[in-house]
Protein backbone atom coordinates (compact mmCIF):
# COMPACT_ATOMS: atom_id res chain seq x y z
CA MET A 1 0.00 0.00 0.00
CA ASN A 2 2.80 2.44 0.80
CA GLY A 3 4.29 2.00 -2.67
CA ALA A 4 0.89 2.62 -4.28
CA MET A 5 0.43 5.80 -2.22
CA VAL A 6 3.85 7.12 -3.32
CA ALA A 7 3.05 6.27 -6.96
CA GLU A 8 -0.11 8.38 -6.72
CA GLN A 9 1.79 11.27 -5.19
CA PHE A 10 4.48 11.33 -7.90
CA GLY A 11 2.45 10.06 -10.87
CA VAL A 12 4.67 7.03 -11.55
CA TYR A 13 3.72 3.43 -12.16
CA TYR A 14 3.99 0.89 -9.32
CA HIS A 15 2.98 -2.78 -9.24
CA ALA A 16 2.07 -4.27 -5.86
CA SER A 17 2.31 -8.04 -5.69
CA ILE A 18 1.38 -8.60 -2.05
CA CYS A 19 -1.58 -6.42 -1.19
CA TRP A 20 -5.23 -7.35 -0.66
CA PRO A 21 -7.00 -6.34 -3.90
CA ASP A 22 -10.12 -5.36 -1.94
CA VAL A 23 -8.15 -2.83 0.12
CA TRP A 24 -6.24 -1.52 -2.93
CA ARG A 25 -9.49 -1.20 -4.94
CA GLU A 26 -11.12 0.95 -2.22
CA LYS A 27 -8.46 3.63 -2.73
CA LYS A 28 -9.18 3.99 -6.49
CA TYR A 29 -5.48 4.37 -7.32
CA LYS A 30 -4.68 5.42 -10.90
CA TRP A 31 -0.92 4.79 -10.99
CA SER A 32 -0.62 1.26 -9.64
CA THR A 33 -1.76 -2.29 -10.25
CA VAL A 34 -2.00 -5.25 -7.92
CA PHE A 35 -1.89 -9.02 -8.33
CA PHE A 36 -2.76 -11.07 -5.28
CA MET A 37 -5.51 -13.32 -3.94
CA ALA A 38 -8.85 -11.94 -2.78
CA LEU A 39 -9.15 -11.54 0.96
CA ASP A 40 -12.51 -13.33 1.24
CA GLN A 41 -11.10 -16.36 -0.60
CA ALA A 42 -7.92 -16.41 1.48
CA CYS A 43 -9.98 -16.44 4.67
CA GLY A 44 -12.61 -18.88 3.39
CA VAL A 45 -10.40 -21.80 2.37
CA PRO A 46 -9.48 -22.98 5.92
CA PHE A 47 -13.17 -23.19 6.83
CA GLU A 48 -13.78 -25.37 3.78
CA ILE A 49 -10.94 -27.60 4.97
CA LEU A 50 -12.31 -27.65 8.54
CA LYS A 51 -15.63 -28.89 7.18
CA THR A 52 -13.85 -31.94 5.70
CA ILE A 53 -12.60 -33.01 9.15
CA ASP A 54 -14.89 -35.40 10.98
CA ALA A 55 -17.12 -33.47 13.41
CA GLN A 56 -15.75 -35.41 16.39
CA GLU A 57 -12.16 -34.43 15.53
CA ARG A 58 -12.86 -30.90 14.32
CA PRO A 59 -11.64 -28.06 16.58
CA LYS A 60 -14.49 -26.57 18.63
CA LYS A 61 -12.86 -23.45 20.10
CA LEU A 62 -11.24 -21.39 17.34
CA ALA A 63 -9.11 -18.34 18.06
CA LEU A 64 -8.32 -15.51 15.67
CA ALA A 65 -4.87 -14.06 16.39
CA VAL A 66 -3.83 -11.05 14.30
CA GLU A 67 -1.11 -8.45 14.36
CA THR A 68 -2.05 -4.90 15.35
CA THR A 69 -1.71 -3.36 11.87
CA PHE A 70 -4.03 -2.00 9.18
CA GLY A 71 -3.65 -5.29 7.27
CA GLY A 72 -4.36 -7.27 10.42
CA GLU A 73 -7.58 -5.34 10.99
CA LYS A 74 -8.76 -5.92 7.41
CA PHE A 75 -7.83 -9.59 7.66
CA ALA A 76 -9.70 -10.02 10.97
CA ASN A 77 -12.87 -8.52 9.48
CA ALA A 78 -12.68 -10.83 6.45
CA CYS A 79 -12.02 -13.86 8.70
CA ARG A 80 -15.06 -13.09 10.85
CA ASP A 81 -17.21 -12.80 7.70
CA ALA A 82 -15.83 -16.09 6.31
CA ALA A 83 -16.44 -17.84 9.64
CA GLN A 84 -20.05 -16.70 9.71
CA LYS A 85 -20.65 -17.69 6.06
CA ASN A 86 -19.31 -21.18 6.79
CA GLY A 87 -21.16 -21.75 10.05
CA PHE A 88 -18.23 -21.13 12.41
CA ALA A 89 -17.43 -18.51 15.03
CA PHE A 90 -14.29 -17.43 16.83
CA PHE A 91 -14.36 -18.34 20.49
CA GLU A 92 -11.45 -16.01 21.26
CA GLU A 93 -9.79 -13.05 19.50
CA ILE A 94 -6.22 -12.09 20.27
CA LYS A 95 -4.33 -8.98 19.17
CA LEU A 96 -0.62 -9.55 18.69
CA PRO A 97 1.65 -6.53 19.18
CA VAL A 98 4.13 -6.14 16.32
CA ALA A 99 7.77 -6.89 17.22
CA SER A 100 6.88 -8.28 20.65
CA LYS A 101 9.51 -10.47 22.23
CA ASP A 102 7.19 -12.00 24.82
CA TYR A 103 3.81 -13.58 24.02
CA SER A 104 3.24 -15.11 27.46
CA THR A 105 0.11 -13.00 28.12
CA GLU A 106 -1.46 -13.98 24.79
CA LEU A 107 -0.46 -17.63 25.21
CA GLU A 108 -1.95 -17.78 28.69
CA LYS A 109 -5.21 -16.40 27.27
CA ILE A 110 -5.20 -19.19 24.66
CA ARG A 111 -4.49 -21.83 27.32
CA LYS A 112 -7.17 -20.59 29.76
CA ALA A 113 -9.79 -20.41 27.01
CA GLY A 114 -9.11 -24.01 25.96
CA VAL A 115 -8.50 -22.96 22.35
CA ASP A 116 -7.98 -25.96 20.07
CA GLY A 117 -7.71 -24.21 16.71
CA MET A 118 -6.04 -20.95 15.72
CA PHE A 119 -6.01 -18.68 12.69
CA LEU A 120 -2.77 -16.67 12.76
CA TYR A 121 -2.00 -13.56 10.73
CA THR A 122 1.33 -11.96 11.57
CA ASN A 123 4.68 -11.29 9.91
CA ALA A 124 7.49 -13.86 9.91
CA GLY A 125 9.49 -11.95 12.52
CA ASP A 126 6.61 -12.37 14.98
CA CYS A 127 5.22 -15.69 13.75
CA GLU A 128 8.42 -17.65 14.43
CA PRO A 129 8.89 -16.52 18.06
CA LEU A 130 5.20 -17.10 18.75
CA ILE A 131 5.33 -20.68 17.43
CA ARG A 132 8.50 -21.37 19.44
CA GLN A 133 7.01 -19.86 22.61
CA MET A 134 3.84 -21.92 22.14
CA LYS A 135 5.91 -25.09 22.06
CA LYS A 136 8.09 -24.05 25.01
CA ALA A 137 5.04 -23.15 27.12
CA ASN A 138 3.29 -26.37 26.05
CA VAL A 139 0.38 -24.38 24.63
CA THR A 140 -1.11 -26.70 22.03
CA VAL A 141 -3.76 -26.34 19.38
CA ALA A 142 -4.94 -29.15 17.13
CA PHE A 143 -5.32 -26.83 14.14
CA LEU A 144 -3.12 -23.87 13.20
CA GLN A 145 -3.58 -21.93 9.97
CA THR A 146 -1.03 -19.23 9.16
CA TRP A 147 -0.99 -16.38 6.69
CA LYS A 148 1.69 -13.79 5.93
CA GLY A 149 4.43 -14.91 8.37
CA GLY A 150 3.87 -18.57 7.55
CA TRP A 151 4.45 -17.97 3.84
CA ALA A 152 8.02 -16.77 4.13
CA GLY A 153 10.70 -19.24 3.02
CA LYS A 154 12.72 -18.10 6.01
CA PHE A 155 9.91 -19.29 8.31
CA TRP A 156 10.19 -22.89 7.07
CA LYS A 157 14.00 -22.85 7.12
CA ASP A 158 14.30 -21.37 10.62
CA LEU A 159 11.64 -23.49 12.30
CA GLY A 160 12.63 -26.83 10.78
CA MET A 161 10.48 -29.62 12.21
CA GLU A 162 8.69 -27.15 14.48
CA TRP A 163 6.70 -25.85 11.50
CA MET A 164 4.94 -29.20 11.07
CA HIS A 165 2.01 -27.80 13.03
CA SER A 166 1.14 -25.19 10.41
CA THR A 167 1.07 -24.48 6.71
CA CYS A 168 -0.76 -22.18 4.35
CA SER A 169 -1.38 -24.35 1.27
CA ALA A 170 -3.01 -27.20 3.16
CA THR A 171 -4.04 -26.67 6.73
CA ALA A 172 -2.35 -28.95 9.23
CA SER A 173 -3.77 -30.52 12.29
CA GLY A 174 -1.76 -32.21 14.98
CA ARG A 175 -0.87 -32.16 18.66
CA TRP A 176 2.42 -31.20 20.27
CA ASN A 177 3.72 -32.72 23.43
CA THR A 178 7.15 -32.98 25.01
CA HIS A 179 8.19 -36.23 23.28
CA THR A 180 6.21 -36.83 20.10
CA ARG A 181 3.99 -34.96 17.74
CA GLU A 182 1.07 -36.72 16.09
CA HIS A 183 0.41 -35.11 12.77
CA GLY A 184 -2.34 -35.45 10.19
CA ILE A 185 -3.19 -33.30 7.19
CA TRP A 186 -6.58 -32.80 5.60
CA GLY A 187 -7.77 -30.76 2.65
CA ASN A 188 -6.92 -30.23 -1.02
CA GLY A 189 -7.32 -33.93 -1.74
CA ILE A 190 -4.78 -34.97 0.90
CA THR A 191 -5.81 -37.97 2.92
CA LYS A 192 -5.53 -38.15 6.69
CA ASN A 193 -2.17 -39.53 7.79
CA SER A 194 -0.56 -39.81 11.18
CA ALA A 195 3.04 -40.25 12.19
CA ASN A 196 5.16 -39.96 15.29
CA ILE A 197 7.83 -37.35 14.76
CA PRO A 198 10.58 -37.11 17.41
């Protein structure tokens, strides 16, 4: 968005590749273009995947955790709409401060609420520490869907096997504990599998 705003100010062309088209379209920019997925579709896909999980295994208490930015606010609104359209609701909503080093307050809120599924929208610099702190604090969710921070190649490289609890192309479901992680993936034609990963 910042690049598009500068392009308008100076009358030069700018192409944004990672910007919600809905948000860009609202501004009626004349000097920029955008190519990215629609926000409603991005938020709707995980609910479609959740519906393919057997009702007994499906997470019952979903949390929406988003960074405290303009994009996070837009994403949260679209996620709430997608949840309602698909017959779901968020049991808990958590705002994640950008560049926080300590998520203990937010993680305790997740633990106390009994959250078993989480939708996470935050940048890679915050997503990685949050995932690591979840594991260290033994805060587990059976379903974790990431956007933004979970897309970065650096995220996968840095977290190694710890990332196995989340993905953005097919939503992962599993449980962490201190010794093994049971892991199964559903959605996009993938069949349910389970494995013990040390």
